[in-house]
Amino acid sequence: MNDTTAQPTLPDRLSVNPRSPHHVAEIFEYEIGIKLNGKERFDVEEYCISEGWVKIPTKSLDRRGQPLTMTVKGTVEAFYR
C-alpha cells in the first residue's frame, strides 16, 4: 500500500499559538508529543529543540487575557504519536 499523506518534518521551534510567527498549522493536523528530559509533557505551548527549552502556561493571565508562560530548560525531543 502506498501512503500519500506523509507527515511534515517537525521544525526546530514550534508554537501552539496561531498568532506566533513559529506556528505551522499543517503540523497540528497530526498528534505531536514532546519529551523534556525523558518525560512526556502534555501542556507545552512552545518548544525549541536547539536551545533546549519549552514554554508551559501558568494559571496567571496577562492584561490581554493570554496565559503567562514559564520557560523550562532541558533536553527537548519532538515526535509524532
PDB file of N, CA and C in Angstrom:
ATOM      1  N   MET A   1       0.836  -1.175   0.000  1.00  0.00           N
ATOM      2  CA  MET A   1       0.000   0.000   0.000  1.00  0.00           C
ATOM      3  C   MET A   1       0.882   1.239   0.000  1.00  0.00           C
ATOM      4  N   ASN A   2       0.448   2.227  -0.712  1.00  0.00           N
ATOM      5  CA  ASN A   2       1.194   3.472  -0.829  1.00  0.00           C
ATOM      6  C   ASN A   2       0.526   4.548   0.014  1.00  0.00           C
ATOM      7  N   ASP A   3       1.243   5.105   0.958  1.00  0.00           N
ATOM      8  CA  ASP A   3       0.716   6.163   1.810  1.00  0.00           C
ATOM      9  C   ASP A   3       1.104   7.504   1.195  1.00  0.00           C
ATOM     10  N   THR A   4       0.124   8.266   0.702  1.00  0.00           N
ATOM     11  CA  THR A   4       0.414   9.530   0.033  1.00  0.00           C
ATOM     12  C   THR A   4       0.407  10.716   0.985  1.00  0.00           C
ATOM     13  N   THR A   5      -0.053  10.518   2.213  1.00  0.00           N
ATOM     14  CA  THR A   5      -0.093  11.614   3.176  1.00  0.00           C
ATOM     15  C   THR A   5       1.102  11.511   4.116  1.00  0.00           C
ATOM     16  N   ALA A   6       2.237  12.009   3.680  1.00  0.00           N
ATOM     17  CA  ALA A   6       3.438  11.993   4.512  1.00  0.00           C
ATOM     18  C   ALA A   6       3.356  13.112   5.541  1.00  0.00           C
ATOM     19  N   GLN A   7       3.820  12.827   6.727  1.00  0.00           N
ATOM     20  CA  GLN A   7       3.822  13.829   7.781  1.00  0.00           C
ATOM     21  C   GLN A   7       4.947  14.823   7.525  1.00  0.00           C
ATOM     22  N   PRO A   8       4.669  16.135   7.698  1.00  0.00           N
ATOM     23  CA  PRO A   8       5.733  17.126   7.517  1.00  0.00           C
ATOM     24  C   PRO A   8       6.785  16.981   8.615  1.00  0.00           C
ATOM     25  N   THR A   9       8.007  17.368   8.304  1.00  0.00           N
ATOM     26  CA  THR A   9       9.065  17.279   9.309  1.00  0.00           C
ATOM     27  C   THR A   9       8.813  18.307  10.402  1.00  0.00           C
ATOM     28  N   LEU A  10       9.119  17.928  11.618  1.00  0.00           N
ATOM     29  CA  LEU A  10       8.917  18.833  12.748  1.00  0.00           C
ATOM     30  C   LEU A  10      10.008  19.897  12.759  1.00  0.00           C
ATOM     31  N   PRO A  11       9.634  21.168  12.907  1.00  0.00           N
ATOM     32  CA  PRO A  11      10.637  22.233  12.916  1.00  0.00           C
ATOM     33  C   PRO A  11      11.402  22.290  14.225  1.00  0.00           C
ATOM     34  N   ASP A  12      12.471  23.069  14.223  1.00  0.00           N
ATOM     35  CA  ASP A  12      13.279  23.255  15.420  1.00  0.00           C
ATOM     36  C   ASP A  12      12.495  23.996  16.497  1.00  0.00           C
ATOM     37  N   ARG A  13      11.639  24.922  16.081  1.00  0.00           N
ATOM     38  CA  ARG A  13      10.846  25.712  17.022  1.00  0.00           C
ATOM     39  C   ARG A  13       9.398  25.728  16.547  1.00  0.00           C
ATOM     40  N   LEU A  14       8.470  25.474  17.452  1.00  0.00           N
ATOM     41  CA  LEU A  14       7.064  25.400  17.096  1.00  0.00           C
ATOM     42  C   LEU A  14       6.214  25.943  18.234  1.00  0.00           C
ATOM     43  N   SER A  15       5.143  26.664  17.871  1.00  0.00           N
ATOM     44  CA  SER A  15       4.250  27.249  18.860  1.00  0.00           C
ATOM     45  C   SER A  15       2.814  26.824  18.579  1.00  0.00           C
ATOM     46  N   VAL A  16       2.036  26.670  19.639  1.00  0.00           N
ATOM     47  CA  VAL A  16       0.620  26.327  19.529  1.00  0.00           C
ATOM     48  C   VAL A  16      -0.207  27.560  19.183  1.00  0.00           C
ATOM     49  N   ASN A  17       0.240  28.724  19.597  1.00  0.00           N
ATOM     50  CA  ASN A  17      -0.489  29.979  19.418  1.00  0.00           C
ATOM     51  C   ASN A  17      -0.508  30.377  17.947  1.00  0.00           C
ATOM     52  N   PRO A  18      -1.701  30.510  17.327  1.00  0.00           N
ATOM     53  CA  PRO A  18      -1.766  30.879  15.910  1.00  0.00           C
ATOM     54  C   PRO A  18      -1.242  32.277  15.602  1.00  0.00           C
ATOM     55  N   ARG A  19      -1.129  33.150  16.604  1.00  0.00           N
ATOM     56  CA  ARG A  19      -0.594  34.495  16.363  1.00  0.00           C
ATOM     57  C   ARG A  19       0.928  34.538  16.373  1.00  0.00           C
ATOM     58  N   SER A  20       1.559  33.444  16.730  1.00  0.00           N
ATOM     59  CA  SER A  20       3.020  33.386  16.799  1.00  0.00           C
ATOM     60  C   SER A  20       3.607  33.189  15.397  1.00  0.00           C
ATOM     61  N   PRO A  21       4.784  33.772  15.136  1.00  0.00           N
ATOM     62  CA  PRO A  21       5.445  33.526  13.840  1.00  0.00           C
ATOM     63  C   PRO A  21       5.979  32.101  13.720  1.00  0.00           C
ATOM     64  N   HIS A  22       5.999  31.350  14.818  1.00  0.00           N
ATOM     65  CA  HIS A  22       6.511  29.979  14.822  1.00  0.00           C
ATOM     66  C   HIS A  22       5.386  28.941  14.768  1.00  0.00           C
ATOM     67  N   HIS A  23       4.178  29.373  14.427  1.00  0.00           N
ATOM     68  CA  HIS A  23       3.031  28.472  14.331  1.00  0.00           C
ATOM     69  C   HIS A  23       2.936  27.935  12.900  1.00  0.00           C
ATOM     70  N   VAL A  24       2.852  26.605  12.759  1.00  0.00           N
ATOM     71  CA  VAL A  24       2.686  25.952  11.453  1.00  0.00           C
ATOM     72  C   VAL A  24       1.428  25.084  11.554  1.00  0.00           C
ATOM     73  N   ALA A  25       0.353  25.528  10.897  1.00  0.00           N
ATOM     74  CA  ALA A  25      -0.951  24.870  11.048  1.00  0.00           C
ATOM     75  C   ALA A  25      -0.961  23.451  10.495  1.00  0.00           C
ATOM     76  N   GLU A  26      -0.195  23.164   9.441  1.00  0.00           N
ATOM     77  CA  GLU A  26      -0.203  21.836   8.829  1.00  0.00           C
ATOM     78  C   GLU A  26       0.294  20.762   9.791  1.00  0.00           C
ATOM     79  N   ILE A  27       1.182  21.118  10.687  1.00  0.00           N
ATOM     80  CA  ILE A  27       1.741  20.149  11.628  1.00  0.00           C
ATOM     81  C   ILE A  27       0.703  19.732  12.656  1.00  0.00           C
ATOM     82  N   PHE A  28      -0.219  20.632  13.004  1.00  0.00           N
ATOM     83  CA  PHE A  28      -1.201  20.329  14.041  1.00  0.00           C
ATOM     84  C   PHE A  28      -2.355  19.465  13.531  1.00  0.00           C
ATOM     85  N   GLU A  29      -2.298  19.062  12.273  1.00  0.00           N
ATOM     86  CA  GLU A  29      -3.262  18.083  11.769  1.00  0.00           C
ATOM     87  C   GLU A  29      -2.944  16.692  12.320  1.00  0.00           C
ATOM     88  N   TYR A  30      -1.737  16.511  12.815  1.00  0.00           N
ATOM     89  CA  TYR A  30      -1.281  15.250  13.409  1.00  0.00           C
ATOM     90  C   TYR A  30      -1.056  15.459  14.895  1.00  0.00           C
ATOM     91  N   GLU A  31      -1.057  14.376  15.646  1.00  0.00           N
ATOM     92  CA  GLU A  31      -0.831  14.465  17.085  1.00  0.00           C
ATOM     93  C   GLU A  31       0.671  14.487  17.362  1.00  0.00           C
ATOM     94  N   ILE A  32       1.104  15.476  18.122  1.00  0.00           N
ATOM     95  CA  ILE A  32       2.521  15.690  18.401  1.00  0.00           C
ATOM     96  C   ILE A  32       2.802  15.392  19.868  1.00  0.00           C
ATOM     97  N   GLY A  33       3.951  14.801  20.137  1.00  0.00           N
ATOM     98  CA  GLY A  33       4.389  14.559  21.500  1.00  0.00           C
ATOM     99  C   GLY A  33       5.683  15.309  21.777  1.00  0.00           C
ATOM    100  N   ILE A  34       5.862  15.760  23.013  1.00  0.00           N
ATOM    101  CA  ILE A  34       7.067  16.479  23.429  1.00  0.00           C
ATOM    102  C   ILE A  34       7.627  15.772  24.655  1.00  0.00           C
ATOM    103  N   LYS A  35       8.918  15.460  24.601  1.00  0.00           N
ATOM    104  CA  LYS A  35       9.604  14.909  25.770  1.00  0.00           C
ATOM    105  C   LYS A  35      10.599  15.937  26.266  1.00  0.00           C
ATOM    106  N   LEU A  36      10.568  16.189  27.570  1.00  0.00           N
ATOM    107  CA  LEU A  36      11.515  17.089  28.223  1.00  0.00           C
ATOM    108  C   LEU A  36      12.249  16.266  29.256  1.00  0.00           C
ATOM    109  N   ASN A  37      13.551  16.118  29.066  1.00  0.00           N
ATOM    110  CA  ASN A  37      14.402  15.310  29.948  1.00  0.00           C
ATOM    111  C   ASN A  37      13.879  13.884  30.100  1.00  0.00           C
ATOM    112  N   GLY A  38      13.383  13.315  29.005  1.00  0.00           N
ATOM    113  CA  GLY A  38      12.928  11.933  29.005  1.00  0.00           C
ATOM    114  C   GLY A  38      11.502  11.707  29.478  1.00  0.00           C
ATOM    115  N   LYS A  39      10.809  12.756  29.946  1.00  0.00           N
ATOM    116  CA  LYS A  39       9.427  12.616  30.403  1.00  0.00           C
ATOM    117  C   LYS A  39       8.508  13.339  29.425  1.00  0.00           C
ATOM    118  N   GLU A  40       7.421  12.681  29.048  1.00  0.00           N
ATOM    119  CA  GLU A  40       6.490  13.282  28.101  1.00  0.00           C
ATOM    120  C   GLU A  40       5.649  14.354  28.794  1.00  0.00           C
ATOM    121  N   ARG A  41       5.528  15.515  28.121  1.00  0.00           N
ATOM    122  CA  ARG A  41       4.739  16.632  28.648  1.00  0.00           C
ATOM    123  C   ARG A  41       3.522  16.823  27.753  1.00  0.00           C
ATOM    124  N   PHE A  42       2.391  17.162  28.353  1.00  0.00           N
ATOM    125  CA  PHE A  42       1.167  17.352  27.602  1.00  0.00           C
ATOM    126  C   PHE A  42       0.688  18.800  27.623  1.00  0.00           C
ATOM    127  N   ASP A  43       1.417  19.677  28.312  1.00  0.00           N
ATOM    128  CA  ASP A  43       0.974  21.066  28.483  1.00  0.00           C
ATOM    129  C   ASP A  43       1.938  22.078  27.861  1.00  0.00           C
ATOM    130  N   VAL A  44       2.624  21.716  26.789  1.00  0.00           N
ATOM    131  CA  VAL A  44       3.634  22.581  26.186  1.00  0.00           C
ATOM    132  C   VAL A  44       2.976  23.547  25.209  1.00  0.00           C
ATOM    133  N   GLU A  45       3.244  24.845  25.369  1.00  0.00           N
ATOM    134  CA  GLU A  45       2.747  25.879  24.461  1.00  0.00           C
ATOM    135  C   GLU A  45       3.709  26.111  23.297  1.00  0.00           C
ATOM    136  N   GLU A  46       5.012  26.042  23.566  1.00  0.00           N
ATOM    137  CA  GLU A  46       6.026  26.310  22.547  1.00  0.00           C
ATOM    138  C   GLU A  46       7.288  25.560  22.934  1.00  0.00           C
ATOM    139  N   TYR A  47       8.066  25.152  21.923  1.00  0.00           N
ATOM    140  CA  TYR A  47       9.326  24.482  22.210  1.00  0.00           C
ATOM    141  C   TYR A  47      10.401  24.927  21.235  1.00  0.00           C
ATOM    142  N   CYS A  48      11.664  24.743  21.632  1.00  0.00           N
ATOM    143  CA  CYS A  48      12.813  24.972  20.776  1.00  0.00           C
ATOM    144  C   CYS A  48      13.821  23.871  21.086  1.00  0.00           C
ATOM    145  N   ILE A  49      14.082  23.035  20.084  1.00  0.00           N
ATOM    146  CA  ILE A  49      14.973  21.889  20.292  1.00  0.00           C
ATOM    147  C   ILE A  49      16.426  22.342  20.416  1.00  0.00           C
ATOM    148  N   SER A  50      16.875  23.240  19.530  1.00  0.00           N
ATOM    149  CA  SER A  50      18.289  23.625  19.520  1.00  0.00           C
ATOM    150  C   SER A  50      18.692  24.398  20.775  1.00  0.00           C
ATOM    151  N   GLU A  51      17.789  25.214  21.326  1.00  0.00           N
ATOM    152  CA  GLU A  51      18.098  25.977  22.532  1.00  0.00           C
ATOM    153  C   GLU A  51      17.751  25.203  23.803  1.00  0.00           C
ATOM    154  N   GLY A  52      16.974  24.124  23.690  1.00  0.00           N
ATOM    155  CA  GLY A  52      16.677  23.261  24.827  1.00  0.00           C
ATOM    156  C   GLY A  52      15.715  23.844  25.841  1.00  0.00           C
ATOM    157  N   TRP A  53      14.555  24.349  25.396  1.00  0.00           N
ATOM    158  CA  TRP A  53      13.559  24.858  26.323  1.00  0.00           C
ATOM    159  C   TRP A  53      12.148  24.598  25.817  1.00  0.00           C
ATOM    160  N   VAL A  54      11.201  24.601  26.738  1.00  0.00           N
ATOM    161  CA  VAL A  54       9.774  24.556  26.428  1.00  0.00           C
ATOM    162  C   VAL A  54       9.095  25.638  27.252  1.00  0.00           C
ATOM    163  N   LYS A  55       7.978  26.144  26.748  1.00  0.00           N
ATOM    164  CA  LYS A  55       7.179  27.123  27.487  1.00  0.00           C
ATOM    165  C   LYS A  55       5.884  26.450  27.906  1.00  0.00           C
ATOM    166  N   ILE A  56       5.593  26.571  29.203  1.00  0.00           N
ATOM    167  CA  ILE A  56       4.435  25.933  29.805  1.00  0.00           C
ATOM    168  C   ILE A  56       3.542  27.021  30.399  1.00  0.00           C
ATOM    169  N   PRO A  57       2.222  26.987  30.101  1.00  0.00           N
ATOM    170  CA  PRO A  57       1.338  28.033  30.629  1.00  0.00           C
ATOM    171  C   PRO A  57       1.143  27.908  32.137  1.00  0.00           C
ATOM    172  N   THR A  58       0.959  29.060  32.774  1.00  0.00           N
ATOM    173  CA  THR A  58       0.656  29.099  34.199  1.00  0.00           C
ATOM    174  C   THR A  58      -0.821  29.461  34.365  1.00  0.00           C
ATOM    175  N   LYS A  59      -1.285  29.537  35.601  1.00  0.00           N
ATOM    176  CA  LYS A  59      -2.685  29.900  35.845  1.00  0.00           C
ATOM    177  C   LYS A  59      -2.924  31.397  35.687  1.00  0.00           C
ATOM    178  N   SER A  60      -1.868  32.198  35.752  1.00  0.00           N
ATOM    179  CA  SER A  60      -1.997  33.650  35.663  1.00  0.00           C
ATOM    180  C   SER A  60      -2.211  34.085  34.220  1.00  0.00           C
ATOM    181  N   LEU A  61      -2.924  35.196  34.050  1.00  0.00           N
ATOM    182  CA  LEU A  61      -3.182  35.759  32.725  1.00  0.00           C
ATOM    183  C   LEU A  61      -2.538  37.133  32.620  1.00  0.00           C
ATOM    184  N   ASP A  62      -2.148  37.499  31.403  1.00  0.00           N
ATOM    185  CA  ASP A  62      -1.628  38.847  31.194  1.00  0.00           C
ATOM    186  C   ASP A  62      -2.803  39.799  30.973  1.00  0.00           C
ATOM    187  N   ARG A  63      -2.528  41.059  30.693  1.00  0.00           N
ATOM    188  CA  ARG A  63      -3.605  42.045  30.572  1.00  0.00           C
ATOM    189  C   ARG A  63      -4.461  41.859  29.326  1.00  0.00           C
ATOM    190  N   ARG A  64      -4.007  41.036  28.383  1.00  0.00           N
ATOM    191  CA  ARG A  64      -4.793  40.736  27.177  1.00  0.00           C
ATOM    192  C   ARG A  64      -5.571  39.427  27.310  1.00  0.00           C
ATOM    193  N   GLY A  65      -5.470  38.782  28.465  1.00  0.00           N
ATOM    194  CA  GLY A  65      -6.196  37.549  28.705  1.00  0.00           C
ATOM    195  C   GLY A  65      -5.471  36.291  28.264  1.00  0.00           C
ATOM    196  N   GLN A  66      -4.220  36.419  27.849  1.00  0.00           N
ATOM    197  CA  GLN A  66      -3.424  35.268  27.436  1.00  0.00           C
ATOM    198  C   GLN A  66      -2.688  34.703  28.650  1.00  0.00           C
ATOM    199  N   PRO A  67      -2.536  33.381  28.712  1.00  0.00           N
ATOM    200  CA  PRO A  67      -1.829  32.807  29.875  1.00  0.00           C
ATOM    201  C   PRO A  67      -0.344  33.176  29.850  1.00  0.00           C
ATOM    202  N   LEU A  68       0.186  33.480  31.037  1.00  0.00           N
ATOM    203  CA  LEU A  68       1.620  33.706  31.154  1.00  0.00           C
ATOM    204  C   LEU A  68       2.318  32.351  31.052  1.00  0.00           C
ATOM    205  N   THR A  69       3.511  32.340  30.493  1.00  0.00           N
ATOM    206  CA  THR A  69       4.227  31.077  30.324  1.00  0.00           C
ATOM    207  C   THR A  69       5.497  31.064  31.150  1.00  0.00           C
ATOM    208  N   MET A  70       5.879  29.860  31.542  1.00  0.00           N
ATOM    209  CA  MET A  70       7.097  29.640  32.299  1.00  0.00           C
ATOM    210  C   MET A  70       8.033  28.836  31.401  1.00  0.00           C
ATOM    211  N   THR A  71       9.284  29.242  31.294  1.00  0.00           N
ATOM    212  CA  THR A  71      10.264  28.544  30.472  1.00  0.00           C
ATOM    213  C   THR A  71      10.989  27.500  31.309  1.00  0.00           C
ATOM    214  N   VAL A  72      10.991  26.264  30.814  1.00  0.00           N
ATOM    215  CA  VAL A  72      11.674  25.162  31.488  1.00  0.00           C
ATOM    216  C   VAL A  72      12.751  24.653  30.539  1.00  0.00           C
ATOM    217  N   LYS A  73      13.992  24.557  31.023  1.00  0.00           N
ATOM    218  CA  LYS A  73      15.111  24.145  30.180  1.00  0.00           C
ATOM    219  C   LYS A  73      15.457  22.683  30.400  1.00  0.00           C
ATOM    220  N   GLY A  74      15.993  22.065  29.335  1.00  0.00           N
ATOM    221  CA  GLY A  74      16.400  20.674  29.402  1.00  0.00           C
ATOM    222  C   GLY A  74      16.549  20.109  27.998  1.00  0.00           C
ATOM    223  N   THR A  75      16.613  18.803  27.894  1.00  0.00           N
ATOM    224  CA  THR A  75      16.712  18.125  26.616  1.00  0.00           C
ATOM    225  C   THR A  75      15.313  17.953  26.045  1.00  0.00           C
ATOM    226  N   VAL A  76      15.085  18.529  24.854  1.00  0.00           N
ATOM    227  CA  VAL A  76      13.754  18.521  24.244  1.00  0.00           C
ATOM    228  C   VAL A  76      13.752  17.584  23.045  1.00  0.00           C
ATOM    229  N   GLU A  77      12.720  16.737  22.956  1.00  0.00           N
ATOM    230  CA  GLU A  77      12.505  15.861  21.809  1.00  0.00           C
ATOM    231  C   GLU A  77      11.069  16.057  21.341  1.00  0.00           C
ATOM    232  N   ALA A  78      10.875  16.244  20.046  1.00  0.00           N
ATOM    233  CA  ALA A  78       9.543  16.336  19.465  1.00  0.00           C
ATOM    234  C   ALA A  78       9.331  15.134  18.546  1.00  0.00           C
ATOM    235  N   PHE A  79       8.118  14.569  18.583  1.00  0.00           N
ATOM    236  CA  PHE A  79       7.837  13.388  17.774  1.00  0.00           C
ATOM    237  C   PHE A  79       6.353  13.325  17.463  1.00  0.00           C
ATOM    238  N   TYR A  80       6.015  12.541  16.424  1.00  0.00           N
ATOM    239  CA  TYR A  80       4.620  12.266  16.118  1.00  0.00           C
ATOM    240  C   TYR A  80       4.193  11.045  16.903  1.00  0.00           C
ATOM    241  N   ARG A  81       2.993  11.074  17.468  1.00  0.00           N
ATOM    242  CA  ARG A  81       2.479   9.933  18.227  1.00  0.00           C
ATOM    243  C   ARG A  81       1.911   8.899  17.297  1.00  0.00           C
TER     244      ARG A  81
END
